Amino acid sequence: MAAFTIDSQQTMPSGYKIPVLGYGVYQTPADIAAEVVEHALKVGYRHVDSAVAYRNEQPSAEGMKRSGIPREELFFTTKIPPKDMSYENSRQHIENTLKITGFDYVDLYLLHSPYGGKENRIGAWKALVEGVQAGKIRSIGVSNYGVHHLDELEAWIKETEAKEGKGKGGVLSVNQVELHPWLARPEIVDWCKQRGVLCEAYSPIVRATKNDDPLLKPLAKKYNKTPSQILLRWSLQMVSKSCNNSLLEGDELMLPLQGFIPLPKSVTKSRIEENAQIYDFELTAEEMKSLDTRLYEPCAWDPTVSHD
């Protein structure tokens, strides 16, 4: 396996690149979001994952600006709120995101959940597609989509393309779901990876509930790392045999690879730094296999199973 660095990126189906490590701002209070985002960027992160529902888009964007790093070197994600899944609501949220952040474009805009029924899901997706066509959004995707939701969206995209032409249904680049050894979601992951859709992992460190788990303790001791660092490394190394994408460093093609994109969140500066220190060791194939629990234990909500 080629060496990861904090600058490693993957290429999305949209053609744009996404940093392999993201900084999540879920539950980050608005009054400190700018400060912690700026700190994360100063220690090497280049990817900030926000959402309308987090109520911290504006200060997160402010932290990005304060960092002094050129906008084109940074990556900003946000999401249409679960309770606002419709065409008109989504159009309004896209406009509001651009207004409050002051950005000319959003790197990645996701549907936060599959709630709201098929008509609203498709309507919200259409708004994202139009946002891309208007140059307001670069890449689009979904979050918390189960296989049946993904099938529904894919069918609509194909139907639209058959009627209107290639690309008119939008390009699905990402599915962001809870992913860790106790919730590896092989069916969702395989669906995505067979199509080149990237999997982003939220709650990748299981909200620190597994720090004393016997699966992690010996690995943490061996590598002189924290359990969280072991889990983040697991995310990076979750390569699928059906992968058809590539890891890129700069413009150099390294090797076929499509691990998860972990989105650790913390408001503690030392932990923000710690979560980025995952590039000086590599789990062996046997160690990765030891973390294959085949369990289904969400630590957060689980909209992937909804059937409305």
C-alpha atoms as a PDB file:
ATOM      1  CA  MET A   1       0.000   0.000   0.000  1.00  0.00           C
ATOM      2  CA  ALA A   2       1.299   3.421  -0.915  1.00  0.00           C
ATOM      3  CA  ALA A   3       1.852   5.782   1.972  1.00  0.00           C
ATOM      4  CA  PHE A   4      -1.004   8.021   2.991  1.00  0.00           C
ATOM      5  CA  THR A   5      -0.285  11.576   4.024  1.00  0.00           C
ATOM      6  CA  ILE A   6      -2.549  14.266   5.391  1.00  0.00           C
ATOM      7  CA  ASP A   7      -2.543  15.674   1.849  1.00  0.00           C
ATOM      8  CA  SER A   8      -3.834  12.467   0.236  1.00  0.00           C
ATOM      9  CA  GLN A   9      -6.959  12.822  -1.876  1.00  0.00           C
ATOM     10  CA  GLN A  10      -9.416  10.668  -3.763  1.00  0.00           C
ATOM     11  CA  THR A  11     -11.161  11.566  -7.000  1.00  0.00           C
ATOM     12  CA  MET A  12     -14.947  11.616  -6.888  1.00  0.00           C
ATOM     13  CA  PRO A  13     -17.185  10.499  -9.791  1.00  0.00           C
ATOM     14  CA  SER A  14     -17.742  14.216 -10.431  1.00  0.00           C
ATOM     15  CA  GLY A  15     -14.054  14.489 -11.344  1.00  0.00           C
ATOM     16  CA  TYR A  16     -13.224  16.721  -8.378  1.00  0.00           C
ATOM     17  CA  LYS A  17     -10.811  15.659  -5.645  1.00  0.00           C
ATOM     18  CA  ILE A  18     -11.680  15.293  -1.979  1.00  0.00           C
ATOM     19  CA  PRO A  19      -9.175  15.179   0.922  1.00  0.00           C
ATOM     20  CA  VAL A  20      -9.111  11.708   2.461  1.00  0.00           C
ATOM     21  CA  LEU A  21      -9.299  13.064   6.031  1.00  0.00           C
ATOM     22  CA  GLY A  22     -12.136  15.395   7.006  1.00  0.00           C
ATOM     23  CA  TYR A  23     -12.796  17.501  10.077  1.00  0.00           C
ATOM     24  CA  GLY A  24     -16.367  17.113  11.319  1.00  0.00           C
ATOM     25  CA  VAL A  25     -18.196  19.933  13.109  1.00  0.00           C
ATOM     26  CA  TYR A  26     -21.305  18.031  14.226  1.00  0.00           C
ATOM     27  CA  GLN A  27     -22.509  19.469  17.570  1.00  0.00           C
ATOM     28  CA  THR A  28     -19.740  22.078  17.488  1.00  0.00           C
ATOM     29  CA  PRO A  29     -21.182  25.255  19.076  1.00  0.00           C
ATOM     30  CA  ALA A  30     -21.316  28.191  16.695  1.00  0.00           C
ATOM     31  CA  ASP A  31     -19.379  30.407  19.093  1.00  0.00           C
ATOM     32  CA  ILE A  32     -16.265  28.213  18.914  1.00  0.00           C
ATOM     33  CA  ALA A  33     -16.620  26.724  15.422  1.00  0.00           C
ATOM     34  CA  ALA A  34     -14.462  29.340  13.711  1.00  0.00           C
ATOM     35  CA  GLU A  35     -11.645  28.848  16.233  1.00  0.00           C
ATOM     36  CA  VAL A  36     -11.549  25.046  16.074  1.00  0.00           C
ATOM     37  CA  VAL A  37     -11.890  24.953  12.279  1.00  0.00           C
ATOM     38  CA  GLU A  38      -9.004  27.388  11.942  1.00  0.00           C
ATOM     39  CA  HIS A  39      -6.931  25.219  14.287  1.00  0.00           C
ATOM     40  CA  ALA A  40      -7.735  22.056  12.328  1.00  0.00           C
ATOM     41  CA  LEU A  41      -6.627  23.701   9.106  1.00  0.00           C
ATOM     42  CA  LYS A  42      -3.422  24.964  10.679  1.00  0.00           C
ATOM     43  CA  VAL A  43      -2.456  21.407  11.694  1.00  0.00           C
ATOM     44  CA  GLY A  44      -3.048  20.066   8.193  1.00  0.00           C
ATOM     45  CA  TYR A  45      -6.726  19.294   7.602  1.00  0.00           C
ATOM     46  CA  ARG A  46      -8.147  20.722   4.380  1.00  0.00           C
ATOM     47  CA  HIS A  47     -11.681  19.310   4.499  1.00  0.00           C
ATOM     48  CA  VAL A  48     -14.484  20.636   6.741  1.00  0.00           C
ATOM     49  CA  ASP A  49     -17.768  18.729   7.048  1.00  0.00           C
ATOM     50  CA  SER A  50     -20.698  20.894   8.160  1.00  0.00           C
ATOM     51  CA  ALA A  51     -24.483  20.828   7.644  1.00  0.00           C
ATOM     52  CA  VAL A  52     -27.371  23.268   7.719  1.00  0.00           C
ATOM     53  CA  ALA A  53     -28.764  21.349  10.701  1.00  0.00           C
ATOM     54  CA  TYR A  54     -25.512  21.881  12.654  1.00  0.00           C
ATOM     55  CA  ARG A  55     -26.139  25.649  12.624  1.00  0.00           C
ATOM     56  CA  ASN A  56     -22.454  26.363  12.181  1.00  0.00           C
ATOM     57  CA  GLU A  57     -21.955  26.812   8.434  1.00  0.00           C
ATOM     58  CA  GLN A  58     -21.140  30.511   8.777  1.00  0.00           C
ATOM     59  CA  PRO A  59     -18.557  30.262  11.576  1.00  0.00           C
ATOM     60  CA  SER A  60     -17.012  27.182   9.955  1.00  0.00           C
ATOM     61  CA  ALA A  61     -16.561  29.197   6.766  1.00  0.00           C
ATOM     62  CA  GLU A  62     -15.144  32.053   8.844  1.00  0.00           C
ATOM     63  CA  GLY A  63     -12.552  29.692  10.316  1.00  0.00           C
ATOM     64  CA  MET A  64     -11.596  28.615   6.813  1.00  0.00           C
ATOM     65  CA  LYS A  65     -11.105  32.232   5.775  1.00  0.00           C
ATOM     66  CA  ARG A  66      -9.108  33.062   8.903  1.00  0.00           C
ATOM     67  CA  SER A  67      -6.683  30.236   8.160  1.00  0.00           C
ATOM     68  CA  GLY A  68      -5.247  32.242   5.274  1.00  0.00           C
ATOM     69  CA  ILE A  69      -5.240  29.133   3.082  1.00  0.00           C
ATOM     70  CA  PRO A  70      -6.472  29.816  -0.470  1.00  0.00           C
ATOM     71  CA  ARG A  71     -10.116  28.795  -0.978  1.00  0.00           C
ATOM     72  CA  GLU A  72      -9.210  26.483  -3.863  1.00  0.00           C
ATOM     73  CA  GLU A  73      -7.034  24.413  -1.490  1.00  0.00           C
ATOM     74  CA  LEU A  74      -9.903  23.888   0.958  1.00  0.00           C
ATOM     75  CA  PHE A  75     -12.942  21.615   0.791  1.00  0.00           C
ATOM     76  CA  PHE A  76     -16.312  22.498   2.338  1.00  0.00           C
ATOM     77  CA  THR A  77     -19.258  20.122   2.729  1.00  0.00           C
ATOM     78  CA  THR A  78     -22.757  20.922   3.893  1.00  0.00           C
ATOM     79  CA  LYS A  79     -26.131  19.167   3.804  1.00  0.00           C
ATOM     80  CA  ILE A  80     -29.840  19.748   3.169  1.00  0.00           C
ATOM     81  CA  PRO A  81     -31.602  19.242   6.564  1.00  0.00           C
ATOM     82  CA  PRO A  82     -33.561  16.012   7.103  1.00  0.00           C
ATOM     83  CA  LYS A  83     -36.771  17.939   7.864  1.00  0.00           C
ATOM     84  CA  ASP A  84     -36.500  20.082   4.713  1.00  0.00           C
ATOM     85  CA  MET A  85     -36.274  17.444   2.012  1.00  0.00           C
ATOM     86  CA  SER A  86     -38.072  18.974  -0.955  1.00  0.00           C
ATOM     87  CA  TYR A  87     -37.194  20.775  -4.174  1.00  0.00           C
ATOM     88  CA  GLU A  88     -38.101  24.286  -3.070  1.00  0.00           C
ATOM     89  CA  ASN A  89     -36.621  23.977   0.424  1.00  0.00           C
ATOM     90  CA  SER A  90     -33.390  22.639  -1.027  1.00  0.00           C
ATOM     91  CA  ARG A  91     -33.109  25.476  -3.538  1.00  0.00           C
ATOM     92  CA  GLN A  92     -33.506  27.958  -0.698  1.00  0.00           C
ATOM     93  CA  HIS A  93     -30.900  26.209   1.451  1.00  0.00           C
ATOM     94  CA  ILE A  94     -28.352  26.257  -1.383  1.00  0.00           C
ATOM     95  CA  GLU A  95     -28.830  29.996  -1.807  1.00  0.00           C
ATOM     96  CA  ASN A  96     -28.652  30.596   1.939  1.00  0.00           C
ATOM     97  CA  THR A  97     -25.461  28.548   2.315  1.00  0.00           C
ATOM     98  CA  LEU A  98     -23.718  30.667  -0.315  1.00  0.00           C
ATOM     99  CA  LYS A  99     -25.044  33.864   1.270  1.00  0.00           C
ATOM    100  CA  ILE A 100     -24.007  33.171   4.860  1.00  0.00           C
ATOM    101  CA  THR A 101     -20.640  31.574   4.052  1.00  0.00           C
ATOM    102  CA  GLY A 102     -19.684  34.132   1.422  1.00  0.00           C
ATOM    103  CA  PHE A 103     -18.370  31.293  -0.753  1.00  0.00           C
ATOM    104  CA  ASP A 104     -18.754  31.329  -4.523  1.00  0.00           C
ATOM    105  CA  TYR A 105     -19.376  27.577  -4.502  1.00  0.00           C
ATOM    106  CA  VAL A 106     -19.829  24.599  -2.177  1.00  0.00           C
ATOM    107  CA  ASP A 107     -17.427  21.704  -2.797  1.00  0.00           C
ATOM    108  CA  LEU A 108     -19.897  18.998  -1.750  1.00  0.00           C
ATOM    109  CA  TYR A 109     -23.602  19.318  -0.954  1.00  0.00           C
ATOM    110  CA  LEU A 110     -25.379  16.252   0.436  1.00  0.00           C
ATOM    111  CA  LEU A 111     -28.938  15.229   1.223  1.00  0.00           C
ATOM    112  CA  HIS A 112     -28.613  14.707   4.989  1.00  0.00           C
ATOM    113  CA  SER A 113     -31.025  11.776   5.167  1.00  0.00           C
ATOM    114  CA  PRO A 114     -33.527   9.791   3.096  1.00  0.00           C
ATOM    115  CA  TYR A 115     -36.478  11.073   5.126  1.00  0.00           C
ATOM    116  CA  GLY A 116     -39.492  12.740   3.520  1.00  0.00           C
ATOM    117  CA  GLY A 117     -40.663  10.168   0.980  1.00  0.00           C
ATOM    118  CA  LYS A 118     -39.630   9.494  -2.611  1.00  0.00           C
ATOM    119  CA  GLU A 119     -41.098  12.651  -4.140  1.00  0.00           C
ATOM    120  CA  ASN A 120     -39.271  14.904  -1.691  1.00  0.00           C
ATOM    121  CA  ARG A 121     -36.025  12.926  -1.924  1.00  0.00           C
ATOM    122  CA  ILE A 122     -35.993  13.204  -5.709  1.00  0.00           C
ATOM    123  CA  GLY A 123     -37.071  16.844  -5.554  1.00  0.00           C
ATOM    124  CA  ALA A 124     -34.215  17.698  -3.208  1.00  0.00           C
ATOM    125  CA  TRP A 125     -31.779  15.833  -5.466  1.00  0.00           C
ATOM    126  CA  LYS A 126     -33.043  17.786  -8.504  1.00  0.00           C
ATOM    127  CA  ALA A 127     -32.267  21.013  -6.635  1.00  0.00           C
ATOM    128  CA  LEU A 128     -28.699  19.810  -6.035  1.00  0.00           C
ATOM    129  CA  VAL A 129     -28.334  18.875  -9.710  1.00  0.00           C
ATOM    130  CA  GLU A 130     -29.468  22.354 -10.716  1.00  0.00           C
ATOM    131  CA  GLY A 131     -26.989  23.810  -8.228  1.00  0.00           C
ATOM    132  CA  VAL A 132     -24.189  21.968 -10.014  1.00  0.00           C
ATOM    133  CA  GLN A 133     -25.436  23.103 -13.421  1.00  0.00           C
ATOM    134  CA  ALA A 134     -25.468  26.710 -12.163  1.00  0.00           C
ATOM    135  CA  GLY A 135     -21.892  26.482 -10.845  1.00  0.00           C
ATOM    136  CA  LYS A 136     -22.978  26.897  -7.236  1.00  0.00           C
ATOM    137  CA  ILE A 137     -21.991  23.358  -6.234  1.00  0.00           C
ATOM    138  CA  ARG A 138     -19.113  21.233  -7.516  1.00  0.00           C
ATOM    139  CA  SER A 139     -20.116  17.753  -6.336  1.00  0.00           C
ATOM    140  CA  ILE A 140     -23.253  16.236  -4.833  1.00  0.00           C
ATOM    141  CA  GLY A 141     -24.147  13.172  -2.841  1.00  0.00           C
ATOM    142  CA  VAL A 142     -26.259  11.705  -0.086  1.00  0.00           C
ATOM    143  CA  SER A 143     -25.964  10.767   3.560  1.00  0.00           C
ATOM    144  CA  ASN A 144     -27.543   7.907   5.506  1.00  0.00           C
ATOM    145  CA  TYR A 145     -28.840   6.242   2.329  1.00  0.00           C
ATOM    146  CA  GLY A 146     -29.482   2.510   2.487  1.00  0.00           C
ATOM    147  CA  VAL A 147     -29.249   0.286  -0.587  1.00  0.00           C
ATOM    148  CA  HIS A 148     -32.973   0.680  -1.344  1.00  0.00           C
ATOM    149  CA  HIS A 149     -32.616   4.469  -1.246  1.00  0.00           C
ATOM    150  CA  LEU A 150     -29.552   4.283  -3.486  1.00  0.00           C
ATOM    151  CA  ASP A 151     -31.383   2.015  -5.924  1.00  0.00           C
ATOM    152  CA  GLU A 152     -34.256   4.499  -6.068  1.00  0.00           C
ATOM    153  CA  LEU A 153     -31.920   7.404  -6.823  1.00  0.00           C
ATOM    154  CA  GLU A 154     -29.911   5.454  -9.388  1.00  0.00           C
ATOM    155  CA  ALA A 155     -33.106   4.432 -11.198  1.00  0.00           C
ATOM    156  CA  TRP A 156     -34.223   8.079 -11.365  1.00  0.00           C
ATOM    157  CA  ILE A 157     -30.815   9.220 -12.624  1.00  0.00           C
ATOM    158  CA  LYS A 158     -30.815   6.568 -15.371  1.00  0.00           C
ATOM    159  CA  GLU A 159     -34.389   7.365 -16.361  1.00  0.00           C
ATOM    160  CA  THR A 160     -33.606  11.078 -16.532  1.00  0.00           C
ATOM    161  CA  GLU A 161     -30.467  10.508 -18.582  1.00  0.00           C
ATOM    162  CA  ALA A 162     -32.400   8.292 -21.021  1.00  0.00           C
ATOM    163  CA  LYS A 163     -34.817  11.164 -21.614  1.00  0.00           C
ATOM    164  CA  GLU A 164     -32.571  14.212 -21.373  1.00  0.00           C
ATOM    165  CA  GLY A 165     -28.997  13.069 -21.963  1.00  0.00           C
ATOM    166  CA  LYS A 166     -25.924  11.963 -20.024  1.00  0.00           C
ATOM    167  CA  GLY A 167     -25.297  13.837 -16.788  1.00  0.00           C
ATOM    168  CA  LYS A 168     -28.747  15.418 -16.676  1.00  0.00           C
ATOM    169  CA  GLY A 169     -29.732  13.301 -13.682  1.00  0.00           C
ATOM    170  CA  GLY A 170     -26.713  14.388 -11.693  1.00  0.00           C
ATOM    171  CA  VAL A 171     -23.595  12.512 -10.635  1.00  0.00           C
ATOM    172  CA  LEU A 172     -23.709  10.718  -7.277  1.00  0.00           C
ATOM    173  CA  SER A 173     -20.260  11.174  -5.751  1.00  0.00           C
ATOM    174  CA  VAL A 174     -20.596  10.329  -2.036  1.00  0.00           C
ATOM    175  CA  ASN A 175     -22.682   8.450   0.518  1.00  0.00           C
ATOM    176  CA  GLN A 176     -21.861   9.551   4.064  1.00  0.00           C
ATOM    177  CA  VAL A 177     -22.874   6.995   6.693  1.00  0.00           C
ATOM    178  CA  GLU A 178     -21.821   5.798  10.134  1.00  0.00           C
ATOM    179  CA  LEU A 179     -18.930   3.388   9.546  1.00  0.00           C
ATOM    180  CA  HIS A 180     -16.571   1.618  11.951  1.00  0.00           C
ATOM    181  CA  PRO A 181     -15.637  -2.000  12.776  1.00  0.00           C
ATOM    182  CA  TRP A 182     -18.922  -2.507  14.654  1.00  0.00           C
ATOM    183  CA  LEU A 183     -20.922  -1.149  11.712  1.00  0.00           C
ATOM    184  CA  ALA A 184     -19.034  -1.869   8.503  1.00  0.00           C
ATOM    185  CA  ARG A 185     -22.222  -1.961   6.369  1.00  0.00           C
ATOM    186  CA  PRO A 186     -20.876  -4.302   3.636  1.00  0.00           C
ATOM    187  CA  GLU A 187     -24.035  -4.121   1.493  1.00  0.00           C
ATOM    188  CA  ILE A 188     -24.039  -0.317   1.345  1.00  0.00           C
ATOM    189  CA  VAL A 189     -20.269  -0.128   0.917  1.00  0.00           C
ATOM    190  CA  ASP A 190     -20.243  -2.707  -1.897  1.00  0.00           C
ATOM    191  CA  TRP A 191     -23.073  -0.910  -3.714  1.00  0.00           C
ATOM    192  CA  CYS A 192     -21.112   2.323  -3.584  1.00  0.00           C
ATOM    193  CA  LYS A 193     -17.715   0.929  -4.429  1.00  0.00           C
ATOM    194  CA  GLN A 194     -18.963  -1.061  -7.420  1.00  0.00           C
ATOM    195  CA  ARG A 195     -20.056   2.290  -8.857  1.00  0.00           C
ATOM    196  CA  GLY A 196     -17.060   4.355  -7.741  1.00  0.00           C
ATOM    197  CA  VAL A 197     -19.174   6.260  -5.203  1.00  0.00           C
ATOM    198  CA  LEU A 198     -17.026   7.262  -2.218  1.00  0.00           C
ATOM    199  CA  CYS A 199     -17.985   6.295   1.329  1.00  0.00           C
ATOM    200  CA  GLU A 200     -17.493   8.900   4.026  1.00  0.00           C
ATOM    201  CA  ALA A 201     -17.407   7.603   7.600  1.00  0.00           C
ATOM    202  CA  TYR A 202     -19.063   9.628  10.329  1.00  0.00           C
ATOM    203  CA  SER A 203     -18.705   8.561  13.964  1.00  0.00           C
ATOM    204  CA  PRO A 204     -15.517   6.771  12.821  1.00  0.00           C
ATOM    205  CA  ILE A 205     -14.219   6.598  16.388  1.00  0.00           C
ATOM    206  CA  VAL A 206     -17.583   5.305  17.694  1.00  0.00           C
ATOM    207  CA  ARG A 207     -18.000   8.389  19.885  1.00  0.00           C
ATOM    208  CA  ALA A 208     -15.110   7.144  22.058  1.00  0.00           C
ATOM    209  CA  THR A 209     -17.271   4.293  23.396  1.00  0.00           C
ATOM    210  CA  LYS A 210     -14.793   1.567  22.379  1.00  0.00           C
ATOM    211  CA  ASN A 211     -11.602   2.923  23.938  1.00  0.00           C
ATOM    212  CA  ASP A 212     -11.303  -0.085  26.239  1.00  0.00           C
ATOM    213  CA  ASP A 213     -12.409  -2.676  23.728  1.00  0.00           C
ATOM    214  CA  PRO A 214     -10.167  -5.773  23.690  1.00  0.00           C
ATOM    215  CA  LEU A 215      -9.947  -5.612  19.892  1.00  0.00           C
ATOM    216  CA  LEU A 216      -8.316  -2.188  20.029  1.00  0.00           C
ATOM    217  CA  LYS A 217      -6.146  -2.259  23.147  1.00  0.00           C
ATOM    218  CA  PRO A 218      -3.406  -4.576  21.832  1.00  0.00           C
ATOM    219  CA  LEU A 219      -3.187  -2.624  18.563  1.00  0.00           C
ATOM    220  CA  ALA A 220      -2.988   0.676  20.417  1.00  0.00           C
ATOM    221  CA  LYS A 221      -0.197  -0.722  22.557  1.00  0.00           C
ATOM    222  CA  LYS A 222       1.721  -2.221  19.615  1.00  0.00           C
ATOM    223  CA  TYR A 223       1.722   1.008  17.596  1.00  0.00           C
ATOM    224  CA  ASN A 224       1.832   3.393  20.571  1.00  0.00           C
ATOM    225  CA  LYS A 225      -1.394   4.985  19.306  1.00  0.00           C
ATOM    226  CA  THR A 226      -4.758   5.763  20.842  1.00  0.00           C
ATOM    227  CA  PRO A 227      -7.805   3.584  20.066  1.00  0.00           C
ATOM    228  CA  SER A 228      -9.187   6.510  18.053  1.00  0.00           C
ATOM    229  CA  GLN A 229      -6.079   6.591  15.878  1.00  0.00           C
ATOM    230  CA  ILE A 230      -6.376   2.843  15.270  1.00  0.00           C
ATOM    231  CA  LEU A 231      -9.999   3.293  14.177  1.00  0.00           C
ATOM    232  CA  LEU A 232      -9.170   6.170  11.841  1.00  0.00           C
ATOM    233  CA  ARG A 233      -6.401   4.107  10.273  1.00  0.00           C
ATOM    234  CA  TRP A 234      -8.907   1.263   9.808  1.00  0.00           C
ATOM    235  CA  SER A 235     -11.134   3.688   7.855  1.00  0.00           C
ATOM    236  CA  LEU A 236      -8.295   4.708   5.552  1.00  0.00           C
ATOM    237  CA  GLN A 237      -7.350   1.105   4.832  1.00  0.00           C
ATOM    238  CA  MET A 238     -10.841  -0.286   4.138  1.00  0.00           C
ATOM    239  CA  VAL A 239     -10.111  -1.081   0.499  1.00  0.00           C
ATOM    240  CA  SER A 240     -12.664  -2.968  -1.574  1.00  0.00           C
ATOM    241  CA  LYS A 241     -11.782  -5.632  -4.144  1.00  0.00           C
ATOM    242  CA  SER A 242     -14.457  -4.157  -6.391  1.00  0.00           C
ATOM    243  CA  CYS A 243     -12.815  -0.731  -6.223  1.00  0.00           C
ATOM    244  CA  ASN A 244     -12.318   1.103  -9.489  1.00  0.00           C
ATOM    245  CA  ASN A 245     -11.169   4.483  -8.211  1.00  0.00           C
ATOM    246  CA  SER A 246      -7.708   5.753  -7.318  1.00  0.00           C
ATOM    247  CA  LEU A 247      -5.881   7.521  -4.542  1.00  0.00           C
ATOM    248  CA  LEU A 248      -4.094  10.598  -5.755  1.00  0.00           C
ATOM    249  CA  GLU A 249      -1.277  12.520  -4.182  1.00  0.00           C
ATOM    250  CA  GLY A 250      -0.926  15.771  -6.046  1.00  0.00           C
ATOM    251  CA  ASP A 251      -1.379  14.691  -9.640  1.00  0.00           C
ATOM    252  CA  GLU A 252       0.472  11.404  -9.282  1.00  0.00           C
ATOM    253  CA  LEU A 253      -1.525   8.200  -9.597  1.00  0.00           C
ATOM    254  CA  MET A 254      -0.471   6.027  -6.673  1.00  0.00           C
ATOM    255  CA  LEU A 255      -2.462   2.770  -6.823  1.00  0.00           C
ATOM    256  CA  PRO A 256      -6.052   1.523  -7.044  1.00  0.00           C
ATOM    257  CA  LEU A 257      -7.580   2.438  -3.725  1.00  0.00           C
ATOM    258  CA  GLN A 258     -10.892   3.466  -2.272  1.00  0.00           C
ATOM    259  CA  GLY A 259     -10.839   3.423   1.495  1.00  0.00           C
ATOM    260  CA  PHE A 260     -13.331   5.313   3.592  1.00  0.00           C
ATOM    261  CA  ILE A 261     -13.032   9.050   4.183  1.00  0.00           C
ATOM    262  CA  PRO A 262     -13.222   9.437   7.983  1.00  0.00           C
ATOM    263  CA  LEU A 263     -14.726  12.571   9.507  1.00  0.00           C
ATOM    264  CA  PRO A 264     -13.561  12.694  13.131  1.00  0.00           C
ATOM    265  CA  LYS A 265     -14.965  15.544  15.215  1.00  0.00           C
ATOM    266  CA  SER A 266     -13.588  17.139  18.334  1.00  0.00           C
ATOM    267  CA  VAL A 267     -13.524  20.598  19.872  1.00  0.00           C
ATOM    268  CA  THR A 268     -10.424  19.752  21.915  1.00  0.00           C
ATOM    269  CA  LYS A 269      -7.355  21.069  20.122  1.00  0.00           C
ATOM    270  CA  SER A 270      -5.058  18.287  21.306  1.00  0.00           C
ATOM    271  CA  ARG A 271      -7.502  15.662  20.001  1.00  0.00           C
ATOM    272  CA  ILE A 272      -7.897  17.499  16.701  1.00  0.00           C
ATOM    273  CA  GLU A 273      -4.131  17.178  16.339  1.00  0.00           C
ATOM    274  CA  GLU A 274      -4.097  13.571  17.527  1.00  0.00           C
ATOM    275  CA  ASN A 275      -6.735  12.533  14.991  1.00  0.00           C
ATOM    276  CA  ALA A 276      -4.471  13.781  12.197  1.00  0.00           C
ATOM    277  CA  GLN A 277      -1.477  11.751  13.399  1.00  0.00           C
ATOM    278  CA  ILE A 278      -2.387   8.523  11.625  1.00  0.00           C
ATOM    279  CA  TYR A 279       0.169   8.424   8.822  1.00  0.00           C
ATOM    280  CA  ASP A 280       3.222   6.920  10.480  1.00  0.00           C
ATOM    281  CA  PHE A 281       1.910   3.371  10.878  1.00  0.00           C
ATOM    282  CA  GLU A 282      -0.067   0.801   8.909  1.00  0.00           C
ATOM    283  CA  LEU A 283      -2.311  -2.005  10.110  1.00  0.00           C
ATOM    284  CA  THR A 284      -1.436  -5.430   8.676  1.00  0.00           C
ATOM    285  CA  ALA A 285      -3.911  -7.500   6.685  1.00  0.00           C
ATOM    286  CA  GLU A 286      -4.284  -9.794   9.693  1.00  0.00           C
ATOM    287  CA  GLU A 287      -4.985  -6.851  11.986  1.00  0.00           C
ATOM    288  CA  MET A 288      -7.575  -5.471   9.590  1.00  0.00           C
ATOM    289  CA  LYS A 289      -9.194  -8.908   9.520  1.00  0.00           C
ATOM    290  CA  SER A 290      -9.241  -8.986  13.342  1.00  0.00           C
ATOM    291  CA  LEU A 291     -11.394  -5.848  13.267  1.00  0.00           C
ATOM    292  CA  ASP A 292     -13.965  -7.498  11.000  1.00  0.00           C
ATOM    293  CA  THR A 293     -16.578  -7.973  13.719  1.00  0.00           C
ATOM    294  CA  ARG A 294     -19.524  -8.481  11.319  1.00  0.00           C
ATOM    295  CA  LEU A 295     -21.702  -6.760  13.900  1.00  0.00           C
ATOM    296  CA  TYR A 296     -24.411  -4.160  13.329  1.00  0.00           C
ATOM    297  CA  GLU A 297     -24.160  -1.764  16.236  1.00  0.00           C
ATOM    298  CA  PRO A 298     -24.925   1.885  15.386  1.00  0.00           C
ATOM    299  CA  CYS A 299     -23.856   4.454  17.959  1.00  0.00           C
ATOM    300  CA  ALA A 300     -25.906   7.199  16.297  1.00  0.00           C
ATOM    301  CA  TRP A 301     -29.222   7.387  14.424  1.00  0.00           C
ATOM    302  CA  ASP A 302     -29.738   4.982  11.518  1.00  0.00           C
ATOM    303  CA  PRO A 303     -31.892   6.409   8.702  1.00  0.00           C
ATOM    304  CA  THR A 304     -30.467   3.819   6.268  1.00  0.00           C
ATOM    305  CA  VAL A 305     -33.220   1.422   7.393  1.00  0.00           C
ATOM    306  CA  SER A 306     -36.140   3.856   6.921  1.00  0.00           C
ATOM    307  CA  HIS A 307     -38.815   2.919   4.404  1.00  0.00           C
ATOM    308  CA  ASP A 308     -40.973   6.039   4.121  1.00  0.00           C
END
